[in-house]
Amino acid sequence: MKVDLRLYALVDPAVAGGRTLPALAKLIAGAATLVQLRDKHGSTRAMIEEARALKAVLAPAGVPLLINDRVDVALASGADGVHIGQTDMSPQDARRLLGPDAIIGLSLKTLAHAQAAPLDLLDYVAVGGVYGTTSKEDAAAPIGVAGFKAVAGAVRARAPGYPVCAIAGINAGNAAAVIEAGADGVSVISALSLSPDPAAAARELRAVVDDALAKRGRA
């Protein structure tokens, strides 16, 4: 499945700026091209309910919903797919359970990850963390733009044009740099959810990404 990574928004009840997740999703749906539910602390039942509520907001806007880590929640809620990390369910098992039409993304941080990823089973990869982040409890040291470029380059050496997004610590002030380095889009949470005006923040970030992609296309 072709996936639009330009503005990949994560929503998390722990980083929601006092809003409900459906309310937050409604604010950003006009600019976001993909949304992921991330909930590291909620019960399975609560996550399924969150996902269904998000799907009700996003589906009419044509924005796919992915679930972080939890293939079972994606299946139960009717989400469009999952995003998995290096220690979650394997891409092989996720694809077998979710079927050929689901969107499946994988986090990469190292050249070894890039070389080992089963790209044929995935729809995109997310490389990072690029910058420092406060929204992830176990965040490791950032790899920076140079690190992103190296890992993304290793992926595309195997599969030219493969969809890659950059993740962690990205905002309107630094997003252009990762697009220039080869990202097809940016994955963000705090820059939107903790903004006093998430809708305006999403529009601004999407404009930065679109402009940087256009410039890269003309280069």
N, C-alpha and C. Protein backbone atom coordinates (compact mmCIF):
# COMPACT_ATOMS: atom_id res chain seq x y z
N MET A 1 0.84 -1.20 0.00
CA MET A 1 0.00 0.00 0.00
C MET A 1 0.88 1.25 0.00
N LYS A 2 0.54 2.19 -0.86
CA LYS A 2 1.25 3.47 -0.89
C LYS A 2 0.83 4.29 0.32
N VAL A 3 1.81 4.73 1.10
CA VAL A 3 1.50 5.46 2.32
C VAL A 3 2.06 6.88 2.23
N ASP A 4 1.27 7.85 2.65
CA ASP A 4 1.65 9.26 2.61
C ASP A 4 2.22 9.64 3.98
N LEU A 5 3.53 9.84 4.02
CA LEU A 5 4.22 10.08 5.29
C LEU A 5 4.45 11.56 5.59
N ARG A 6 3.94 12.45 4.78
CA ARG A 6 4.35 13.85 4.91
C ARG A 6 4.17 14.40 6.31
N LEU A 7 3.01 14.22 6.90
CA LEU A 7 2.80 14.65 8.29
C LEU A 7 2.16 13.49 9.05
N TYR A 8 3.00 12.74 9.72
CA TYR A 8 2.63 11.52 10.43
C TYR A 8 2.52 11.89 11.91
N ALA A 9 1.29 12.06 12.37
CA ALA A 9 1.03 12.55 13.72
C ALA A 9 0.80 11.40 14.69
N LEU A 10 1.49 11.42 15.81
CA LEU A 10 1.24 10.48 16.90
C LEU A 10 0.34 11.14 17.92
N VAL A 11 -0.64 10.38 18.42
CA VAL A 11 -1.46 10.87 19.52
C VAL A 11 -1.34 9.89 20.68
N ASP A 12 -1.18 10.44 21.87
CA ASP A 12 -0.88 9.65 23.06
C ASP A 12 -1.60 10.32 24.23
N PRO A 13 -2.40 9.58 25.00
CA PRO A 13 -3.11 10.22 26.12
C PRO A 13 -2.18 10.84 27.15
N ALA A 14 -0.92 10.37 27.20
CA ALA A 14 0.04 10.94 28.15
C ALA A 14 0.65 12.25 27.65
N VAL A 15 0.46 12.56 26.36
CA VAL A 15 1.03 13.77 25.76
C VAL A 15 -0.06 14.42 24.91
N ALA A 16 -1.17 14.74 25.54
CA ALA A 16 -2.33 15.22 24.77
C ALA A 16 -2.71 16.66 25.08
N GLY A 17 -1.93 17.34 25.91
CA GLY A 17 -2.22 18.75 26.18
C GLY A 17 -3.57 19.00 26.83
N GLY A 18 -4.07 18.00 27.56
CA GLY A 18 -5.36 18.16 28.24
C GLY A 18 -6.56 17.89 27.37
N ARG A 19 -6.34 17.50 26.13
CA ARG A 19 -7.46 17.21 25.23
C ARG A 19 -7.71 15.71 25.17
N THR A 20 -8.93 15.33 24.75
CA THR A 20 -9.18 13.93 24.44
C THR A 20 -8.51 13.62 23.10
N LEU A 21 -8.24 12.36 22.87
CA LEU A 21 -7.58 12.00 21.61
C LEU A 21 -8.48 12.27 20.40
N PRO A 22 -9.77 11.95 20.44
CA PRO A 22 -10.61 12.30 19.29
C PRO A 22 -10.64 13.80 19.01
N ALA A 23 -10.68 14.62 20.06
CA ALA A 23 -10.68 16.07 19.88
C ALA A 23 -9.37 16.52 19.23
N LEU A 24 -8.26 15.95 19.68
CA LEU A 24 -6.96 16.28 19.11
C LEU A 24 -6.89 15.84 17.65
N ALA A 25 -7.38 14.63 17.37
CA ALA A 25 -7.36 14.12 16.00
C ALA A 25 -8.19 15.01 15.07
N LYS A 26 -9.33 15.48 15.58
CA LYS A 26 -10.19 16.33 14.76
C LYS A 26 -9.48 17.63 14.38
N LEU A 27 -8.67 18.16 15.30
CA LEU A 27 -7.95 19.40 15.05
C LEU A 27 -6.86 19.23 14.00
N ILE A 28 -6.21 18.08 13.99
CA ILE A 28 -5.05 17.90 13.10
C ILE A 28 -5.39 17.18 11.81
N ALA A 29 -6.62 16.64 11.70
CA ALA A 29 -6.96 15.80 10.56
C ALA A 29 -6.88 16.53 9.23
N GLY A 30 -7.04 17.83 9.25
CA GLY A 30 -6.98 18.57 7.99
C GLY A 30 -5.60 18.63 7.37
N ALA A 31 -4.56 18.48 8.19
CA ALA A 31 -3.19 18.58 7.68
C ALA A 31 -2.43 17.27 7.78
N ALA A 32 -2.76 16.44 8.77
CA ALA A 32 -2.05 15.18 8.94
C ALA A 32 -2.38 14.22 7.80
N THR A 33 -1.39 13.44 7.38
CA THR A 33 -1.60 12.45 6.32
C THR A 33 -1.67 11.03 6.87
N LEU A 34 -1.29 10.86 8.12
CA LEU A 34 -1.28 9.55 8.78
C LEU A 34 -1.29 9.82 10.28
N VAL A 35 -2.02 9.00 11.04
CA VAL A 35 -2.08 9.17 12.50
C VAL A 35 -1.81 7.83 13.16
N GLN A 36 -1.03 7.88 14.24
CA GLN A 36 -0.74 6.68 15.02
C GLN A 36 -1.21 6.87 16.46
N LEU A 37 -1.91 5.87 16.98
CA LEU A 37 -2.26 5.84 18.40
C LEU A 37 -1.14 5.17 19.16
N ARG A 38 -0.57 5.90 20.10
CA ARG A 38 0.45 5.35 20.98
C ARG A 38 -0.03 5.49 22.41
N ASP A 39 -0.18 4.37 23.10
CA ASP A 39 -0.63 4.38 24.49
C ASP A 39 0.13 3.28 25.23
N LYS A 40 1.16 3.68 25.95
CA LYS A 40 2.04 2.71 26.61
C LYS A 40 1.48 2.24 27.95
N HIS A 41 0.46 2.90 28.45
CA HIS A 41 0.00 2.62 29.82
C HIS A 41 -1.46 2.19 29.91
N GLY A 42 -2.23 2.36 28.85
CA GLY A 42 -3.64 2.03 28.90
C GLY A 42 -3.89 0.53 28.81
N SER A 43 -5.04 0.11 29.28
CA SER A 43 -5.43 -1.30 29.17
C SER A 43 -5.76 -1.63 27.72
N THR A 44 -5.79 -2.91 27.41
CA THR A 44 -6.14 -3.33 26.06
C THR A 44 -7.53 -2.83 25.69
N ARG A 45 -8.48 -2.97 26.60
CA ARG A 45 -9.85 -2.52 26.31
C ARG A 45 -9.89 -1.02 26.05
N ALA A 46 -9.18 -0.26 26.89
CA ALA A 46 -9.16 1.20 26.70
C ALA A 46 -8.54 1.57 25.36
N MET A 47 -7.49 0.86 24.96
CA MET A 47 -6.84 1.16 23.68
C MET A 47 -7.77 0.87 22.51
N ILE A 48 -8.50 -0.20 22.59
CA ILE A 48 -9.45 -0.53 21.51
C ILE A 48 -10.52 0.54 21.40
N GLU A 49 -11.02 1.00 22.55
CA GLU A 49 -12.03 2.07 22.54
C GLU A 49 -11.45 3.37 21.98
N GLU A 50 -10.21 3.70 22.38
CA GLU A 50 -9.54 4.89 21.85
C GLU A 50 -9.40 4.79 20.34
N ALA A 51 -8.97 3.62 19.88
CA ALA A 51 -8.75 3.43 18.45
C ALA A 51 -10.05 3.57 17.66
N ARG A 52 -11.12 3.00 18.17
CA ARG A 52 -12.40 3.10 17.46
C ARG A 52 -12.88 4.55 17.41
N ALA A 53 -12.68 5.27 18.50
CA ALA A 53 -13.09 6.68 18.53
C ALA A 53 -12.25 7.51 17.55
N LEU A 54 -10.96 7.21 17.46
CA LEU A 54 -10.09 7.91 16.52
C LEU A 54 -10.47 7.57 15.08
N LYS A 55 -10.74 6.31 14.84
CA LYS A 55 -11.11 5.87 13.49
C LYS A 55 -12.38 6.59 13.02
N ALA A 56 -13.31 6.81 13.95
CA ALA A 56 -14.56 7.49 13.60
C ALA A 56 -14.31 8.93 13.16
N VAL A 57 -13.27 9.56 13.72
CA VAL A 57 -12.92 10.93 13.34
C VAL A 57 -12.09 10.95 12.05
N LEU A 58 -11.14 10.03 11.94
CA LEU A 58 -10.16 10.09 10.85
C LEU A 58 -10.65 9.50 9.54
N ALA A 59 -11.46 8.43 9.62
CA ALA A 59 -11.88 7.76 8.39
C ALA A 59 -12.63 8.70 7.44
N PRO A 60 -13.57 9.53 7.94
CA PRO A 60 -14.25 10.44 7.01
C PRO A 60 -13.30 11.45 6.35
N ALA A 61 -12.18 11.74 7.02
CA ALA A 61 -11.19 12.67 6.47
C ALA A 61 -10.19 11.95 5.56
N GLY A 62 -10.32 10.63 5.45
CA GLY A 62 -9.42 9.86 4.60
C GLY A 62 -8.03 9.70 5.16
N VAL A 63 -7.89 9.79 6.49
CA VAL A 63 -6.57 9.68 7.13
C VAL A 63 -6.45 8.30 7.78
N PRO A 64 -5.49 7.48 7.36
CA PRO A 64 -5.34 6.16 7.96
C PRO A 64 -4.91 6.24 9.43
N LEU A 65 -5.35 5.25 10.21
CA LEU A 65 -4.97 5.14 11.62
C LEU A 65 -4.13 3.89 11.82
N LEU A 66 -2.96 4.07 12.42
CA LEU A 66 -2.11 2.95 12.80
C LEU A 66 -2.05 2.86 14.32
N ILE A 67 -1.74 1.67 14.82
CA ILE A 67 -1.60 1.44 16.25
C ILE A 67 -0.14 1.14 16.55
N ASN A 68 0.39 1.76 17.57
CA ASN A 68 1.76 1.51 17.98
C ASN A 68 1.86 0.16 18.70
N ASP A 69 2.69 -0.71 18.21
CA ASP A 69 3.05 -1.99 18.86
C ASP A 69 1.97 -3.07 18.79
N ARG A 70 0.71 -2.71 19.00
CA ARG A 70 -0.32 -3.68 19.37
C ARG A 70 -1.12 -4.18 18.16
N VAL A 71 -0.69 -5.30 17.63
CA VAL A 71 -1.39 -5.92 16.51
C VAL A 71 -2.80 -6.34 16.91
N ASP A 72 -2.95 -6.81 18.16
CA ASP A 72 -4.27 -7.24 18.62
C ASP A 72 -5.25 -6.08 18.65
N VAL A 73 -4.79 -4.91 19.08
CA VAL A 73 -5.65 -3.73 19.13
C VAL A 73 -6.01 -3.29 17.72
N ALA A 74 -5.06 -3.35 16.81
CA ALA A 74 -5.34 -2.98 15.42
C ALA A 74 -6.41 -3.89 14.82
N LEU A 75 -6.29 -5.18 15.08
CA LEU A 75 -7.27 -6.13 14.57
C LEU A 75 -8.66 -5.88 15.17
N ALA A 76 -8.72 -5.72 16.49
CA ALA A 76 -10.00 -5.57 17.15
C ALA A 76 -10.71 -4.27 16.81
N SER A 77 -9.94 -3.23 16.57
CA SER A 77 -10.53 -1.90 16.36
C SER A 77 -10.80 -1.59 14.90
N GLY A 78 -10.27 -2.40 14.00
CA GLY A 78 -10.42 -2.10 12.59
C GLY A 78 -9.50 -1.00 12.10
N ALA A 79 -8.38 -0.78 12.81
CA ALA A 79 -7.40 0.22 12.38
C ALA A 79 -6.77 -0.21 11.06
N ASP A 80 -6.08 0.73 10.42
CA ASP A 80 -5.51 0.47 9.09
C ASP A 80 -4.17 -0.24 9.13
N GLY A 81 -3.59 -0.38 10.33
CA GLY A 81 -2.32 -1.08 10.41
C GLY A 81 -1.62 -0.81 11.72
N VAL A 82 -0.32 -1.10 11.75
CA VAL A 82 0.48 -0.97 12.97
C VAL A 82 1.84 -0.36 12.66
N HIS A 83 2.41 0.21 13.71
CA HIS A 83 3.82 0.59 13.68
C HIS A 83 4.52 -0.20 14.77
N ILE A 84 5.57 -0.91 14.40
CA ILE A 84 6.25 -1.77 15.36
C ILE A 84 7.72 -1.37 15.50
N GLY A 85 8.26 -1.70 16.67
CA GLY A 85 9.66 -1.43 16.96
C GLY A 85 10.48 -2.71 16.87
N GLN A 86 11.76 -2.57 17.20
CA GLN A 86 12.68 -3.70 17.05
C GLN A 86 12.43 -4.82 18.05
N THR A 87 11.72 -4.54 19.14
CA THR A 87 11.47 -5.58 20.14
C THR A 87 10.00 -5.98 20.19
N ASP A 88 9.20 -5.48 19.26
CA ASP A 88 7.78 -5.84 19.21
C ASP A 88 7.60 -7.11 18.37
N MET A 89 6.36 -7.45 18.07
CA MET A 89 6.08 -8.58 17.19
C MET A 89 6.86 -8.42 15.89
N SER A 90 7.33 -9.51 15.32
CA SER A 90 8.12 -9.43 14.09
C SER A 90 7.24 -8.96 12.93
N PRO A 91 7.84 -8.28 11.95
CA PRO A 91 7.07 -7.89 10.77
C PRO A 91 6.42 -9.09 10.07
N GLN A 92 7.11 -10.22 10.09
CA GLN A 92 6.56 -11.42 9.45
C GLN A 92 5.25 -11.84 10.12
N ASP A 93 5.25 -11.86 11.45
CA ASP A 93 4.04 -12.27 12.18
C ASP A 93 2.95 -11.21 12.05
N ALA A 94 3.34 -9.94 12.10
CA ALA A 94 2.34 -8.87 11.96
C ALA A 94 1.66 -8.95 10.60
N ARG A 95 2.44 -9.17 9.55
CA ARG A 95 1.87 -9.25 8.21
C ARG A 95 0.96 -10.47 8.08
N ARG A 96 1.37 -11.58 8.66
CA ARG A 96 0.56 -12.79 8.59
C ARG A 96 -0.79 -12.58 9.27
N LEU A 97 -0.79 -11.88 10.41
CA LEU A 97 -2.03 -11.65 11.15
C LEU A 97 -2.91 -10.58 10.52
N LEU A 98 -2.29 -9.52 10.02
CA LEU A 98 -3.05 -8.37 9.54
C LEU A 98 -3.42 -8.47 8.06
N GLY A 99 -2.70 -9.29 7.31
CA GLY A 99 -3.04 -9.46 5.91
C GLY A 99 -2.31 -8.50 4.99
N PRO A 100 -2.47 -8.69 3.69
CA PRO A 100 -1.68 -7.94 2.71
C PRO A 100 -2.05 -6.47 2.57
N ASP A 101 -3.25 -6.09 3.01
CA ASP A 101 -3.69 -4.71 2.79
C ASP A 101 -3.37 -3.76 3.94
N ALA A 102 -2.95 -4.30 5.07
CA ALA A 102 -2.63 -3.45 6.23
C ALA A 102 -1.36 -2.64 5.97
N ILE A 103 -1.30 -1.46 6.59
CA ILE A 103 -0.07 -0.66 6.58
C ILE A 103 0.78 -1.10 7.76
N ILE A 104 2.02 -1.47 7.49
CA ILE A 104 2.93 -1.88 8.56
C ILE A 104 4.23 -1.08 8.42
N GLY A 105 4.60 -0.39 9.51
CA GLY A 105 5.85 0.37 9.55
C GLY A 105 6.75 -0.15 10.64
N LEU A 106 8.04 0.08 10.48
CA LEU A 106 9.04 -0.42 11.42
C LEU A 106 10.02 0.68 11.78
N SER A 107 10.37 0.77 13.07
CA SER A 107 11.38 1.73 13.52
C SER A 107 12.79 1.20 13.27
N LEU A 108 13.65 2.08 12.76
CA LEU A 108 15.06 1.75 12.55
C LEU A 108 15.91 2.83 13.19
N LYS A 109 17.04 2.42 13.74
CA LYS A 109 17.96 3.42 14.30
C LYS A 109 19.39 3.24 13.81
N THR A 110 19.75 2.03 13.42
CA THR A 110 21.14 1.74 13.09
C THR A 110 21.26 1.20 11.66
N LEU A 111 22.49 1.18 11.17
CA LEU A 111 22.74 0.59 9.85
C LEU A 111 22.39 -0.89 9.86
N ALA A 112 22.64 -1.56 10.97
CA ALA A 112 22.30 -2.99 11.07
C ALA A 112 20.80 -3.19 10.95
N HIS A 113 20.01 -2.32 11.59
CA HIS A 113 18.56 -2.39 11.45
C HIS A 113 18.16 -2.21 9.98
N ALA A 114 18.78 -1.24 9.31
CA ALA A 114 18.44 -0.95 7.92
C ALA A 114 18.74 -2.13 7.01
N GLN A 115 19.82 -2.82 7.31
CA GLN A 115 20.23 -3.93 6.47
C GLN A 115 19.41 -5.20 6.74
N ALA A 116 18.84 -5.29 7.95
CA ALA A 116 18.10 -6.50 8.32
C ALA A 116 16.59 -6.39 8.10
N ALA A 117 16.08 -5.19 7.96
CA ALA A 117 14.62 -5.00 7.88
C ALA A 117 14.04 -5.73 6.67
N PRO A 118 12.95 -6.47 6.86
CA PRO A 118 12.29 -7.17 5.74
C PRO A 118 11.43 -6.19 4.95
N LEU A 119 12.07 -5.41 4.09
CA LEU A 119 11.39 -4.29 3.43
C LEU A 119 10.20 -4.74 2.60
N ASP A 120 10.25 -5.94 2.07
CA ASP A 120 9.15 -6.42 1.23
C ASP A 120 7.87 -6.65 2.03
N LEU A 121 8.00 -6.81 3.35
CA LEU A 121 6.83 -7.03 4.20
C LEU A 121 6.30 -5.73 4.80
N LEU A 122 7.02 -4.65 4.62
CA LEU A 122 6.70 -3.37 5.24
C LEU A 122 6.20 -2.37 4.20
N ASP A 123 5.55 -1.31 4.68
CA ASP A 123 5.11 -0.24 3.80
C ASP A 123 5.97 1.00 3.94
N TYR A 124 6.65 1.15 5.07
CA TYR A 124 7.55 2.27 5.29
C TYR A 124 8.44 1.94 6.48
N VAL A 125 9.49 2.73 6.64
CA VAL A 125 10.30 2.66 7.86
C VAL A 125 10.40 4.06 8.45
N ALA A 126 10.52 4.12 9.78
CA ALA A 126 10.71 5.38 10.50
C ALA A 126 12.11 5.36 11.11
N VAL A 127 12.91 6.35 10.78
CA VAL A 127 14.30 6.38 11.22
C VAL A 127 14.49 7.45 12.29
N GLY A 128 15.10 7.06 13.38
CA GLY A 128 15.36 8.01 14.47
C GLY A 128 15.62 7.29 15.78
N GLY A 129 15.61 8.03 16.91
CA GLY A 129 15.28 9.44 16.96
C GLY A 129 16.36 10.35 16.40
N VAL A 130 15.87 11.29 15.59
CA VAL A 130 16.77 12.23 14.95
C VAL A 130 17.23 13.29 15.94
N TYR A 131 16.27 13.91 16.60
CA TYR A 131 16.57 14.94 17.60
C TYR A 131 16.18 14.43 18.99
N GLY A 132 16.56 15.16 20.01
CA GLY A 132 16.17 14.80 21.36
C GLY A 132 14.66 14.91 21.54
N THR A 133 14.09 14.05 22.39
CA THR A 133 12.65 14.08 22.61
C THR A 133 12.35 13.87 24.09
N THR A 134 11.27 14.48 24.54
CA THR A 134 10.82 14.28 25.93
C THR A 134 9.55 13.44 25.97
N SER A 135 9.05 13.02 24.80
CA SER A 135 7.76 12.32 24.79
C SER A 135 7.92 10.81 24.85
N LYS A 136 9.16 10.32 24.92
CA LYS A 136 9.39 8.89 25.01
C LYS A 136 10.25 8.60 26.22
N GLU A 137 9.76 7.73 27.09
CA GLU A 137 10.43 7.51 28.37
C GLU A 137 11.79 6.85 28.23
N ASP A 138 11.95 5.96 27.23
CA ASP A 138 13.20 5.22 27.11
C ASP A 138 14.03 5.68 25.92
N ALA A 139 13.89 6.96 25.56
CA ALA A 139 14.58 7.46 24.38
C ALA A 139 16.09 7.39 24.54
N ALA A 140 16.76 6.89 23.51
CA ALA A 140 18.21 6.83 23.50
C ALA A 140 18.76 8.12 22.91
N ALA A 141 20.07 8.23 22.85
CA ALA A 141 20.70 9.43 22.31
C ALA A 141 20.29 9.63 20.85
N PRO A 142 20.03 10.87 20.45
CA PRO A 142 19.62 11.11 19.07
C PRO A 142 20.73 10.81 18.07
N ILE A 143 20.32 10.44 16.86
CA ILE A 143 21.30 10.11 15.83
C ILE A 143 21.63 11.32 14.95
N GLY A 144 20.83 12.38 15.05
CA GLY A 144 21.09 13.58 14.27
C GLY A 144 20.74 13.41 12.80
N VAL A 145 20.82 14.51 12.08
CA VAL A 145 20.49 14.48 10.65
C VAL A 145 21.46 13.60 9.89
N ALA A 146 22.74 13.64 10.25
CA ALA A 146 23.73 12.81 9.56
C ALA A 146 23.44 11.33 9.78
N GLY A 147 23.06 10.97 11.00
CA GLY A 147 22.70 9.58 11.28
C GLY A 147 21.47 9.16 10.51
N PHE A 148 20.49 10.05 10.46
CA PHE A 148 19.29 9.76 9.67
C PHE A 148 19.66 9.49 8.22
N LYS A 149 20.48 10.36 7.67
CA LYS A 149 20.84 10.24 6.25
C LYS A 149 21.54 8.92 5.97
N ALA A 150 22.40 8.49 6.90
CA ALA A 150 23.13 7.23 6.72
C ALA A 150 22.19 6.03 6.75
N VAL A 151 21.27 6.01 7.72
CA VAL A 151 20.35 4.87 7.85
C VAL A 151 19.37 4.85 6.67
N ALA A 152 18.81 6.01 6.34
CA ALA A 152 17.89 6.07 5.19
C ALA A 152 18.61 5.67 3.91
N GLY A 153 19.86 6.08 3.78
CA GLY A 153 20.63 5.71 2.60
C GLY A 153 20.86 4.22 2.50
N ALA A 154 21.06 3.56 3.65
CA ALA A 154 21.24 2.11 3.65
C ALA A 154 19.97 1.39 3.24
N VAL A 155 18.82 1.94 3.66
CA VAL A 155 17.54 1.35 3.22
C VAL A 155 17.39 1.48 1.72
N ARG A 156 17.66 2.66 1.21
CA ARG A 156 17.42 2.91 -0.22
C ARG A 156 18.49 2.30 -1.11
N ALA A 157 19.62 1.94 -0.53
CA ALA A 157 20.59 1.17 -1.30
C ALA A 157 20.02 -0.21 -1.63
N ARG A 158 19.17 -0.72 -0.74
CA ARG A 158 18.51 -2.00 -0.96
C ARG A 158 17.25 -1.85 -1.80
N ALA A 159 16.52 -0.73 -1.62
CA ALA A 159 15.25 -0.52 -2.30
C ALA A 159 15.11 0.95 -2.66
N PRO A 160 15.56 1.35 -3.85
CA PRO A 160 15.51 2.77 -4.23
C PRO A 160 14.09 3.33 -4.12
N GLY A 161 14.00 4.53 -3.57
CA GLY A 161 12.71 5.19 -3.43
C GLY A 161 11.85 4.68 -2.30
N TYR A 162 12.40 3.83 -1.43
CA TYR A 162 11.59 3.24 -0.35
C TYR A 162 11.09 4.34 0.59
N PRO A 163 9.82 4.28 1.04
CA PRO A 163 9.27 5.33 1.92
C PRO A 163 9.95 5.36 3.30
N VAL A 164 10.46 6.52 3.65
CA VAL A 164 11.17 6.71 4.92
C VAL A 164 10.70 7.99 5.57
N CYS A 165 10.35 7.90 6.87
CA CYS A 165 10.06 9.14 7.61
C CYS A 165 11.06 9.29 8.74
N ALA A 166 11.20 10.52 9.18
CA ALA A 166 12.08 10.85 10.30
C ALA A 166 11.24 11.02 11.55
N ILE A 167 11.78 10.62 12.69
CA ILE A 167 11.01 10.65 13.92
C ILE A 167 11.84 11.21 15.08
N ALA A 168 11.15 11.88 15.99
CA ALA A 168 11.66 12.35 17.29
C ALA A 168 12.19 13.76 17.28
N GLY A 169 11.56 14.58 18.11
CA GLY A 169 12.02 15.94 18.36
C GLY A 169 11.83 16.89 17.19
N ILE A 170 10.96 16.53 16.24
CA ILE A 170 10.82 17.32 15.02
C ILE A 170 9.72 18.37 15.20
N ASN A 171 10.00 19.56 14.68
CA ASN A 171 9.04 20.66 14.73
C ASN A 171 9.20 21.51 13.47
N ALA A 172 8.43 22.59 13.39
CA ALA A 172 8.46 23.41 12.19
C ALA A 172 9.82 24.05 11.95
N GLY A 173 10.61 24.19 13.01
CA GLY A 173 11.92 24.82 12.87
C GLY A 173 13.01 23.91 12.34
N ASN A 174 12.84 22.59 12.50
CA ASN A 174 13.91 21.69 12.07
C ASN A 174 13.46 20.63 11.06
N ALA A 175 12.19 20.66 10.68
CA ALA A 175 11.67 19.62 9.78
C ALA A 175 12.30 19.68 8.40
N ALA A 176 12.57 20.89 7.90
CA ALA A 176 13.11 21.01 6.54
C ALA A 176 14.45 20.29 6.42
N ALA A 177 15.23 20.28 7.49
CA ALA A 177 16.56 19.66 7.43
C ALA A 177 16.48 18.16 7.18
N VAL A 178 15.48 17.50 7.79
CA VAL A 178 15.38 16.06 7.58
C VAL A 178 14.77 15.74 6.21
N ILE A 179 13.91 16.61 5.71
CA ILE A 179 13.39 16.42 4.35
C ILE A 179 14.54 16.57 3.35
N GLU A 180 15.37 17.58 3.55
CA GLU A 180 16.53 17.77 2.68
C GLU A 180 17.47 16.56 2.73
N ALA A 181 17.51 15.89 3.90
CA ALA A 181 18.37 14.73 4.07
C ALA A 181 17.77 13.45 3.49
N GLY A 182 16.54 13.54 2.96
CA GLY A 182 15.97 12.39 2.28
C GLY A 182 14.66 11.86 2.84
N ALA A 183 14.15 12.45 3.92
CA ALA A 183 12.88 11.95 4.49
C ALA A 183 11.71 12.28 3.57
N ASP A 184 10.75 11.37 3.50
CA ASP A 184 9.52 11.61 2.77
C ASP A 184 8.48 12.32 3.64
N GLY A 185 8.75 12.40 4.94
CA GLY A 185 7.85 13.05 5.86
C GLY A 185 8.41 13.00 7.26
N VAL A 186 7.63 13.55 8.21
CA VAL A 186 8.08 13.63 9.59
C VAL A 186 7.01 13.05 10.51
N SER A 187 7.46 12.37 11.54
CA SER A 187 6.58 11.81 12.56
C SER A 187 6.72 12.66 13.82
N VAL A 188 5.60 13.20 14.27
CA VAL A 188 5.65 14.19 15.36
C VAL A 188 4.56 13.93 16.39
N ILE A 189 4.84 14.38 17.61
CA ILE A 189 3.83 14.31 18.66
C ILE A 189 3.74 15.63 19.41
N SER A 190 4.77 16.00 20.16
CA SER A 190 4.69 17.17 21.02
C SER A 190 4.46 18.47 20.25
N ALA A 191 5.07 18.59 19.06
CA ALA A 191 4.95 19.82 18.27
C ALA A 191 3.50 20.11 17.91
N LEU A 192 2.66 19.08 17.90
CA LEU A 192 1.24 19.27 17.62
C LEU A 192 0.41 19.24 18.89
N SER A 193 0.54 18.15 19.65
CA SER A 193 -0.38 17.93 20.77
C SER A 193 -0.17 18.90 21.92
N LEU A 194 1.03 19.40 22.09
CA LEU A 194 1.29 20.34 23.19
C LEU A 194 1.24 21.79 22.74
N SER A 195 0.91 22.01 21.47
CA SER A 195 0.74 23.38 20.99
C SER A 195 -0.58 23.95 21.51
N PRO A 196 -0.63 25.25 21.80
CA PRO A 196 -1.91 25.85 22.19
C PRO A 196 -2.94 25.81 21.06
N ASP A 197 -2.46 25.66 19.82
CA ASP A 197 -3.35 25.58 18.65
C ASP A 197 -2.86 24.45 17.75
N PRO A 198 -3.23 23.21 18.06
CA PRO A 198 -2.73 22.07 17.28
C PRO A 198 -3.08 22.15 15.79
N ALA A 199 -4.24 22.68 15.47
CA ALA A 199 -4.63 22.78 14.06
C ALA A 199 -3.68 23.70 13.30
N ALA A 200 -3.36 24.84 13.88
CA ALA A 200 -2.44 25.78 13.24
C ALA A 200 -1.03 25.19 13.18
N ALA A 201 -0.63 24.51 14.25
CA ALA A 201 0.70 23.89 14.27
C ALA A 201 0.81 22.82 13.19
N ALA A 202 -0.26 22.04 12.99
CA ALA A 202 -0.25 21.00 11.97
C ALA A 202 -0.18 21.62 10.57
N ARG A 203 -0.93 22.68 10.35
CA ARG A 203 -0.90 23.34 9.04
C ARG A 203 0.49 23.91 8.75
N GLU A 204 1.09 24.53 9.77
CA GLU A 204 2.42 25.12 9.59
C GLU A 204 3.45 24.03 9.27
N LEU A 205 3.42 22.94 10.03
CA LEU A 205 4.40 21.88 9.83
C LEU A 205 4.21 21.21 8.47
N ARG A 206 2.96 20.98 8.09
CA ARG A 206 2.69 20.40 6.78
C ARG A 206 3.21 21.32 5.66
N ALA A 207 3.03 22.62 5.82
CA ALA A 207 3.51 23.56 4.82
C ALA A 207 5.03 23.53 4.71
N VAL A 208 5.72 23.42 5.85
CA VAL A 208 7.18 23.34 5.85
C VAL A 208 7.63 22.08 5.10
N VAL A 209 6.97 20.95 5.40
CA VAL A 209 7.33 19.69 4.76
C VAL A 209 7.07 19.75 3.26
N ASP A 210 5.89 20.23 2.88
CA ASP A 210 5.54 20.30 1.46
C ASP A 210 6.51 21.20 0.70
N ASP A 211 6.88 22.32 1.31
CA ASP A 211 7.82 23.25 0.68
C ASP A 211 9.20 22.60 0.51
N ALA A 212 9.65 21.91 1.56
CA ALA A 212 10.97 21.26 1.48
C ALA A 212 10.97 20.14 0.46
N LEU A 213 9.88 19.39 0.37
CA LEU A 213 9.78 18.33 -0.64
C LEU A 213 9.80 18.91 -2.05
N ALA A 214 9.10 20.04 -2.23
CA ALA A 214 9.07 20.68 -3.54
C ALA A 214 10.46 21.17 -3.94
N LYS A 215 11.18 21.76 -2.99
CA LYS A 215 12.54 22.23 -3.26
C LYS A 215 13.47 21.07 -3.58
N ARG A 216 13.31 19.98 -2.86
CA ARG A 216 14.15 18.80 -3.12
C ARG A 216 13.86 18.23 -4.51
N GLY A 217 12.59 18.29 -4.90
CA GLY A 217 12.21 17.79 -6.21
C GLY A 217 12.79 18.62 -7.34
N ARG A 218 12.99 19.92 -7.07
CA ARG A 218 13.54 20.81 -8.09
C ARG A 218 15.05 20.82 -8.10
N ALA A 219 15.67 20.25 -7.04
CA ALA A 219 17.14 20.33 -6.93
C ALA A 219 17.81 19.44 -7.97
